[in-house]
Amino acid sequence: MTTLSEVQALDRALLVDTLPTSEQPSGNAWAACMLAIGSVVGFYVYALPPLSHVTSCSEFLQRQY
């Protein structure tokens, strides 16, 4: 399983290798923003109920009605 720090280290190393020195601070800022957005989206996607659970609830409600 890949941890968040491993992904961050790979991302930062790629930025250092590909961007010129003058653009590295803005590249790191963009990387931090994208990481934050991805973390929030991932949290909410994980918090959603599984689709099988939603289907079983709707079937249960239909049978009782």
Protein backbone atom coordinates (compact mmCIF):
# COMPACT_ATOMS: atom_id res chain seq x y z
CA MET A 1 0.00 0.00 0.00
CA THR A 2 1.34 3.40 -0.94
CA THR A 3 1.38 6.06 1.72
CA LEU A 4 0.73 9.73 1.22
CA SER A 5 4.31 10.68 2.05
CA GLU A 6 5.61 8.40 -0.71
CA VAL A 7 3.34 10.09 -3.25
CA GLN A 8 4.38 13.52 -2.02
CA ALA A 9 8.08 12.65 -2.23
CA LEU A 10 7.70 11.39 -5.79
CA ASP A 11 5.72 14.49 -6.75
CA ARG A 12 8.27 16.86 -5.23
CA ALA A 13 11.19 15.04 -6.85
CA LEU A 14 9.48 15.23 -10.23
CA LEU A 15 8.93 18.96 -9.78
CA VAL A 16 12.57 19.54 -8.89
CA ASP A 17 13.74 17.50 -11.88
CA THR A 18 11.45 19.04 -14.49
CA LEU A 19 10.91 22.69 -13.51
CA PRO A 20 13.49 25.45 -13.75
CA THR A 21 14.62 26.90 -10.44
CA SER A 22 12.57 30.07 -10.91
CA GLU A 23 9.31 28.11 -11.33
CA GLN A 24 9.78 25.57 -8.52
CA PRO A 25 8.03 27.62 -5.80
CA SER A 26 4.88 28.01 -7.91
CA GLY A 27 5.07 24.35 -8.89
CA ASN A 28 5.24 23.32 -5.25
CA ALA A 29 2.27 25.58 -4.48
CA TRP A 30 0.24 23.95 -7.25
CA ALA A 31 1.23 20.50 -6.02
CA ALA A 32 0.13 21.36 -2.47
CA CYS A 33 -3.21 22.68 -3.72
CA MET A 34 -3.85 19.61 -5.85
CA LEU A 35 -2.93 17.34 -2.95
CA ALA A 36 -5.32 19.20 -0.65
CA ILE A 37 -8.16 19.04 -3.16
CA GLY A 38 -7.52 15.35 -3.76
CA SER A 39 -7.54 14.67 -0.03
CA VAL A 40 -10.89 16.41 0.46
CA VAL A 41 -12.47 14.69 -2.55
CA GLY A 42 -11.09 11.33 -1.44
CA PHE A 43 -12.50 11.83 2.05
CA TYR A 44 -15.99 12.52 0.75
CA VAL A 45 -15.88 9.69 -1.78
CA TYR A 46 -14.84 7.30 0.99
CA ALA A 47 -17.61 8.64 3.25
CA LEU A 48 -20.32 7.81 0.69
CA PRO A 49 -22.24 4.63 1.40
CA PRO A 50 -21.39 1.69 -0.84
CA LEU A 51 -23.71 1.24 -3.80
CA SER A 52 -24.66 -2.26 -2.70
CA HIS A 53 -25.86 -0.82 0.61
CA VAL A 54 -28.00 1.80 -1.18
CA THR A 55 -29.51 -0.86 -3.43
CA SER A 56 -30.33 -3.15 -0.53
CA CYS A 57 -31.99 -0.30 1.39
CA SER A 58 -34.21 0.58 -1.56
CA GLU A 59 -35.19 -3.06 -2.00
CA PHE A 60 -35.98 -3.30 1.69
CA LEU A 61 -38.18 -0.21 1.55
CA GLN A 62 -40.02 -1.50 -1.52
CA ARG A 63 -40.77 -4.83 0.15
CA GLN A 64 -42.18 -3.25 3.28
CA TYR A 65 -44.38 -0.83 1.38
